[in-house]
């Protein structure tokens, strides 16, 4: 309906009037706008159309970026395949367990997984002798006495309330030979 009205009036009006009406109706394209000179753009009020075209382009690129980010997030959230897990466990065993590639490449997934779990447990259970965690975890208290004793230190006038000394048993920590 609108296009037929424009076609009828195309013959009677000048080209400039037709373009103004096409802009009002919204038929003119961005390519047509870009083909115009700067004076024509200012005269016809096409500047707003160019801006809206840029906004549309920005919106499309933002949608593409969002879809790409969503797709990559999906692929990252997938669990690793069996072969990927096997390769990860083999790398761990080579670096931490002292195995060689030739020893591991002949084994199936279940065997490698068993070796991996055993080596992981050994390393997780190992505590260096210097660490405070081993002392705290390995203490076995013989006495449970909550009474406090006042102790005076040399050169200190204040008395300090301390618990009486406890006898501690330390579990022997063997160092593994490698």
Protein backbone atom coordinates (compact mmCIF):
# COMPACT_ATOMS: atom_id res chain seq x y z
CA UNK A 1 0.00 0.00 0.00
CA UNK A 2 2.67 2.49 1.04
CA UNK A 3 5.06 1.37 -1.68
CA UNK A 4 2.40 1.77 -4.38
CA UNK A 5 1.70 5.29 -3.17
CA UNK A 6 5.40 6.12 -3.37
CA UNK A 7 5.66 4.67 -6.89
CA UNK A 8 2.76 6.80 -8.10
CA UNK A 9 4.24 9.94 -6.68
CA UNK A 10 7.75 9.13 -7.97
CA UNK A 11 6.78 10.43 -11.40
CA UNK A 12 5.31 13.71 -10.15
CA UNK A 13 7.83 14.75 -7.49
CA UNK A 14 11.48 15.49 -7.59
CA UNK A 15 13.99 12.90 -6.45
CA UNK A 16 14.65 14.77 -3.21
CA UNK A 17 11.01 14.69 -2.12
CA UNK A 18 10.76 10.97 -2.86
CA UNK A 19 13.83 10.24 -0.71
CA UNK A 20 12.39 12.30 2.15
CA UNK A 21 9.16 10.30 2.03
CA UNK A 22 11.04 7.00 1.84
CA UNK A 23 12.99 8.00 4.94
CA UNK A 24 9.78 8.87 6.79
CA UNK A 25 8.26 5.51 5.89
CA UNK A 26 11.54 3.71 6.68
CA UNK A 27 12.19 2.13 3.28
CA UNK A 28 15.63 3.65 2.66
CA UNK A 29 18.56 1.37 3.40
CA UNK A 30 21.87 2.05 5.08
CA UNK A 31 23.69 1.44 1.77
CA UNK A 32 21.69 4.22 0.15
CA UNK A 33 22.53 6.53 3.04
CA UNK A 34 26.22 5.80 2.79
CA UNK A 35 26.12 6.55 -0.94
CA UNK A 36 24.86 10.10 -0.32
CA UNK A 37 27.07 13.11 0.15
CA UNK A 38 27.42 14.83 3.52
CA UNK A 39 25.20 17.72 2.43
CA UNK A 40 22.41 15.34 1.43
CA UNK A 41 22.65 13.50 4.74
CA UNK A 42 22.32 16.73 6.71
CA UNK A 43 19.52 18.03 4.49
CA UNK A 44 17.44 14.86 4.54
CA UNK A 45 17.89 14.11 8.21
CA UNK A 46 19.47 10.78 7.44
CA UNK A 47 21.91 11.14 10.31
CA UNK A 48 19.49 9.46 12.72
CA UNK A 49 19.11 6.52 10.35
CA UNK A 50 22.90 6.07 10.18
CA UNK A 51 23.14 6.13 13.97
CA UNK A 52 20.37 3.56 14.30
CA UNK A 53 22.15 1.42 11.70
CA UNK A 54 25.33 1.52 13.78
CA UNK A 55 23.35 0.60 16.89
CA UNK A 56 21.85 -2.34 15.02
CA UNK A 57 25.32 -3.45 13.92
CA UNK A 58 26.61 -3.17 17.50
CA UNK A 59 23.65 -5.19 18.76
CA UNK A 60 24.31 -7.94 16.22
CA UNK A 61 28.01 -8.14 17.15
CA UNK A 62 27.10 -8.23 20.85
CA UNK A 63 24.70 -11.12 20.18
CA UNK A 64 27.42 -12.99 18.27
CA UNK A 65 29.89 -12.49 21.11
CA UNK A 66 27.31 -13.70 23.63
CA UNK A 67 26.61 -16.85 21.60
CA UNK A 68 30.34 -17.59 21.27
CA UNK A 69 30.86 -17.09 25.01
CA UNK A 70 27.90 -19.33 25.79
CA UNK A 71 29.20 -22.05 23.47
CA UNK A 72 32.68 -21.94 24.99
CA UNK A 73 31.21 -22.08 28.51
CA UNK A 74 29.25 -25.19 27.50
CA UNK A 75 32.35 -26.89 26.17
CA UNK A 76 34.29 -26.01 29.33
CA UNK A 77 31.56 -27.40 31.58
CA UNK A 78 31.63 -30.80 29.87
CA UNK A 79 33.52 -33.50 31.75
CA UNK A 80 36.78 -34.67 30.16
CA UNK A 81 36.72 -37.78 27.99
CA UNK A 82 38.29 -41.06 29.07
CA UNK A 83 41.35 -40.49 26.90
CA UNK A 84 41.80 -36.99 28.33
CA UNK A 85 41.57 -38.37 31.87
CA UNK A 86 44.03 -41.14 31.00
CA UNK A 87 46.52 -38.60 29.64
CA UNK A 88 46.13 -36.37 32.72
CA UNK A 89 46.68 -39.30 35.08
CA UNK A 90 49.69 -40.49 33.06
CA UNK A 91 51.24 -37.03 33.26
CA UNK A 92 50.67 -36.92 37.02
CA UNK A 93 52.20 -40.37 37.49
CA UNK A 94 55.22 -39.45 35.36
CA UNK A 95 55.88 -36.25 37.29
CA UNK A 96 54.90 -37.22 40.82
CA UNK A 97 55.06 -41.00 40.88
CA UNK A 98 58.36 -41.55 39.13
CA UNK A 99 56.89 -43.72 36.37
CA UNK A 100 58.18 -43.70 32.81
CA UNK A 101 55.98 -43.33 29.76
CA UNK A 102 56.92 -46.79 28.53
CA UNK A 103 55.65 -48.30 31.79
CA UNK A 104 52.30 -46.56 31.53
CA UNK A 105 51.48 -46.74 27.82
CA UNK A 106 50.83 -50.49 27.94
CA UNK A 107 48.30 -50.23 30.78
CA UNK A 108 44.56 -49.82 30.35
CA UNK A 109 42.49 -47.00 31.85
CA UNK A 110 41.45 -48.93 34.98
CA UNK A 111 45.05 -49.89 35.83
CA UNK A 112 46.27 -46.32 35.38
CA UNK A 113 43.38 -45.06 37.50
CA UNK A 114 44.30 -47.46 40.31
CA UNK A 115 47.96 -46.37 40.20
CA UNK A 116 46.88 -42.73 40.12
CA UNK A 117 44.58 -43.05 43.15
CA UNK A 118 47.23 -44.90 45.16
CA UNK A 119 49.93 -42.33 44.31
CA UNK A 120 47.56 -39.44 45.03
CA UNK A 121 46.73 -40.93 48.43
CA UNK A 122 50.43 -41.38 49.26
CA UNK A 123 51.22 -37.77 48.37
CA UNK A 124 48.15 -36.39 50.16
CA UNK A 125 49.00 -38.32 53.33
CA UNK A 126 52.64 -37.24 53.34
CA UNK A 127 53.41 -34.42 55.78
CA UNK A 128 56.87 -32.87 56.08
CA UNK A 129 58.50 -33.13 59.50
CA UNK A 130 58.84 -29.36 59.82
CA UNK A 131 55.19 -28.53 59.25
CA UNK A 132 52.99 -27.51 62.19
CA UNK A 133 50.06 -29.53 60.88
CA UNK A 134 51.83 -32.80 61.59
CA UNK A 135 52.51 -31.80 65.18
CA UNK A 136 48.88 -30.74 65.73
CA UNK A 137 47.39 -33.82 64.12
CA UNK A 138 49.79 -36.38 65.57
CA UNK A 139 49.49 -35.30 69.23
CA UNK A 140 48.13 -37.88 71.59
CA UNK A 141 47.25 -36.36 74.91
CA UNK A 142 47.75 -38.40 78.02
CA UNK A 143 46.24 -35.96 80.48
CA UNK A 144 43.09 -33.94 80.21
CA UNK A 145 43.60 -31.30 82.85
CA UNK A 146 41.93 -27.93 82.44
CA UNK A 147 43.29 -26.41 85.65
CA UNK A 148 45.48 -23.39 85.18
CA UNK A 149 48.67 -22.64 87.03
CA UNK A 150 50.13 -19.20 87.63
CA UNK A 151 53.68 -18.98 86.39
CA UNK A 152 56.07 -16.08 86.85
CA UNK A 153 58.69 -15.53 84.21
CA UNK A 154 62.10 -14.05 84.89
CA UNK A 155 62.24 -10.29 84.40
CA UNK A 156 58.48 -10.12 84.11
CA UNK A 157 56.46 -8.81 86.99
CA UNK A 158 53.12 -9.99 85.70
CA UNK A 159 51.98 -13.47 86.42
CA UNK A 160 50.77 -15.51 83.47
CA UNK A 161 48.11 -18.15 83.75
CA UNK A 162 49.13 -21.28 81.87
CA UNK A 163 47.89 -24.80 81.70
CA UNK A 164 50.17 -27.35 83.28
CA UNK A 165 52.57 -28.98 80.88
CA UNK A 166 51.19 -31.95 79.02
CA UNK A 167 53.10 -35.03 78.08
CA UNK A 168 52.88 -35.61 74.37
CA UNK A 169 53.51 -38.71 72.38
CA UNK A 170 54.66 -38.13 68.85
CA UNK A 171 53.95 -40.77 66.27
CA UNK A 172 57.03 -41.76 64.37
CA UNK A 173 56.93 -40.41 60.85
CA UNK A 174 58.87 -42.56 58.44
CA UNK A 175 60.53 -40.89 55.52
CA UNK A 176 59.93 -42.82 52.36
CA UNK A 177 62.99 -43.65 50.25
CA UNK A 178 62.83 -42.77 46.61
